[in-house]
Every structure is written in structure tokens, then in C-alpha cells.
PDB file of N, CA and C in Angstrom:
ATOM      1  N   MET A   1       6.176  12.781   8.810  1.00  0.00           N
ATOM      2  CA  MET A   1       5.402  11.545   8.404  1.00  0.00           C
ATOM      3  C   MET A   1       6.160  10.398   9.203  1.00  0.00           C
ATOM      4  N   SER A   2       5.422   9.632   9.831  1.00  0.00           N
ATOM      5  CA  SER A   2       6.038   8.463  10.455  1.00  0.00           C
ATOM      6  C   SER A   2       6.269   7.328   9.541  1.00  0.00           C
ATOM      7  N   VAL A   3       7.214   6.428   9.964  1.00  0.00           N
ATOM      8  CA  VAL A   3       7.561   5.300   9.180  1.00  0.00           C
ATOM      9  C   VAL A   3       6.350   4.340   9.037  1.00  0.00           C
ATOM     10  N   GLU A   4       5.504   4.184  10.149  1.00  0.00           N
ATOM     11  CA  GLU A   4       4.381   3.289  10.073  1.00  0.00           C
ATOM     12  C   GLU A   4       3.426   3.742   8.938  1.00  0.00           C
ATOM     13  N   SER A   5       3.099   5.031   9.006  1.00  0.00           N
ATOM     14  CA  SER A   5       2.185   5.476   7.904  1.00  0.00           C
ATOM     15  C   SER A   5       2.616   5.416   6.516  1.00  0.00           C
ATOM     16  N   PHE A   6       4.074   5.588   6.423  1.00  0.00           N
ATOM     17  CA  PHE A   6       4.688   5.421   5.067  1.00  0.00           C
ATOM     18  C   PHE A   6       4.530   3.963   4.595  1.00  0.00           C
ATOM     19  N   VAL A   7       4.865   3.093   5.478  1.00  0.00           N
ATOM     20  CA  VAL A   7       4.727   1.590   5.176  1.00  0.00           C
ATOM     21  C   VAL A   7       3.272   1.200   4.824  1.00  0.00           C
ATOM     22  N   THR A   8       2.351   1.700   5.570  1.00  0.00           N
ATOM     23  CA  THR A   8       1.014   1.317   5.538  1.00  0.00           C
ATOM     24  C   THR A   8       0.485   1.902   4.030  1.00  0.00           C
ATOM     25  N   LYS A   9       1.042   3.096   3.748  1.00  0.00           N
ATOM     26  CA  LYS A   9       0.672   3.541   2.422  1.00  0.00           C
ATOM     27  C   LYS A   9       1.201   2.707   1.203  1.00  0.00           C
ATOM     28  N   LEU A  10       2.379   2.183   1.420  1.00  0.00           N
ATOM     29  CA  LEU A  10       3.026   1.297   0.345  1.00  0.00           C
ATOM     30  C   LEU A  10       2.167  -0.022   0.408  1.00  0.00           C
ATOM     31  N   VAL A  11       1.924  -0.526   1.512  1.00  0.00           N
ATOM     32  CA  VAL A  11       1.100  -1.799   1.556  1.00  0.00           C
ATOM     33  C   VAL A  11      -0.184  -1.640   0.871  1.00  0.00           C
ATOM     34  N   ARG A  12      -0.925  -0.541   1.238  1.00  0.00           N
ATOM     35  CA  ARG A  12      -2.246  -0.296   0.603  1.00  0.00           C
ATOM     36  C   ARG A  12      -2.086  -0.159  -0.956  1.00  0.00           C
ATOM     37  N   ARG A  13      -1.074   0.536  -1.322  1.00  0.00           N
ATOM     38  CA  ARG A  13      -0.873   0.742  -2.777  1.00  0.00           C
ATOM     39  C   ARG A  13      -0.716  -0.574  -3.416  1.00  0.00           C
ATOM     40  N   ARG A  14      -0.014  -1.450  -2.793  1.00  0.00           N
ATOM     41  CA  ARG A  14       0.442  -2.740  -3.398  1.00  0.00           C
ATOM     42  C   ARG A  14      -0.816  -3.615  -3.405  1.00  0.00           C
ATOM     43  N   VAL A  15      -1.703  -3.566  -2.435  1.00  0.00           N
ATOM     44  CA  VAL A  15      -3.066  -4.372  -2.302  1.00  0.00           C
ATOM     45  C   VAL A  15      -3.858  -3.913  -3.343  1.00  0.00           C
ATOM     46  N   ILE A  16      -3.951  -2.577  -3.551  1.00  0.00           N
ATOM     47  CA  ILE A  16      -4.891  -2.089  -4.456  1.00  0.00           C
ATOM     48  C   ILE A  16      -4.414  -2.530  -5.948  1.00  0.00           C
ATOM     49  N   THR A  17      -3.115  -2.385  -6.166  1.00  0.00           N
ATOM     50  CA  THR A  17      -2.513  -2.875  -7.404  1.00  0.00           C
ATOM     51  C   THR A  17      -2.866  -4.310  -7.699  1.00  0.00           C
ATOM     52  N   ASP A  18      -2.659  -5.193  -6.754  1.00  0.00           N
ATOM     53  CA  ASP A  18      -2.884  -6.541  -6.831  1.00  0.00           C
ATOM     54  C   ASP A  18      -4.413  -6.785  -7.177  1.00  0.00           C
ATOM     55  N   LEU A  19      -5.277  -6.128  -6.507  1.00  0.00           N
ATOM     56  CA  LEU A  19      -6.723  -6.334  -6.845  1.00  0.00           C
ATOM     57  C   LEU A  19      -7.114  -5.918  -8.171  1.00  0.00           C
ATOM     58  N   ASN A  20      -6.383  -4.771  -8.662  1.00  0.00           N
ATOM     59  CA  ASN A  20      -6.646  -4.279 -10.070  1.00  0.00           C
ATOM     60  C   ASN A  20      -6.164  -5.278 -11.070  1.00  0.00           C
ATOM     61  N   ASP A  21      -5.121  -6.033 -10.702  1.00  0.00           N
ATOM     62  CA  ASP A  21      -4.463  -6.912 -11.700  1.00  0.00           C
ATOM     63  C   ASP A  21      -5.441  -8.122 -11.898  1.00  0.00           C
ATOM     64  N   GLN A  22      -6.113  -8.467 -10.913  1.00  0.00           N
ATOM     65  CA  GLN A  22      -6.932  -9.745 -10.940  1.00  0.00           C
ATOM     66  C   GLN A  22      -8.078  -9.553 -11.976  1.00  0.00           C
TER      67      GLN A  22
END
């Protein structure tokens, strides 16, 4: 697994969590 895909996963997870919190 590349670092880019790992970071992208984290960012996506964070964005999804932020959207759910609103």
C-alpha cells in the first residue's frame, strides 16, 4: 500500500466524519 493511498483514506475518513457530525 502506497503512502498516498493511505493518506487519501485518512482524509476521506475525516471528511466523512465531519459531514456526519454536521
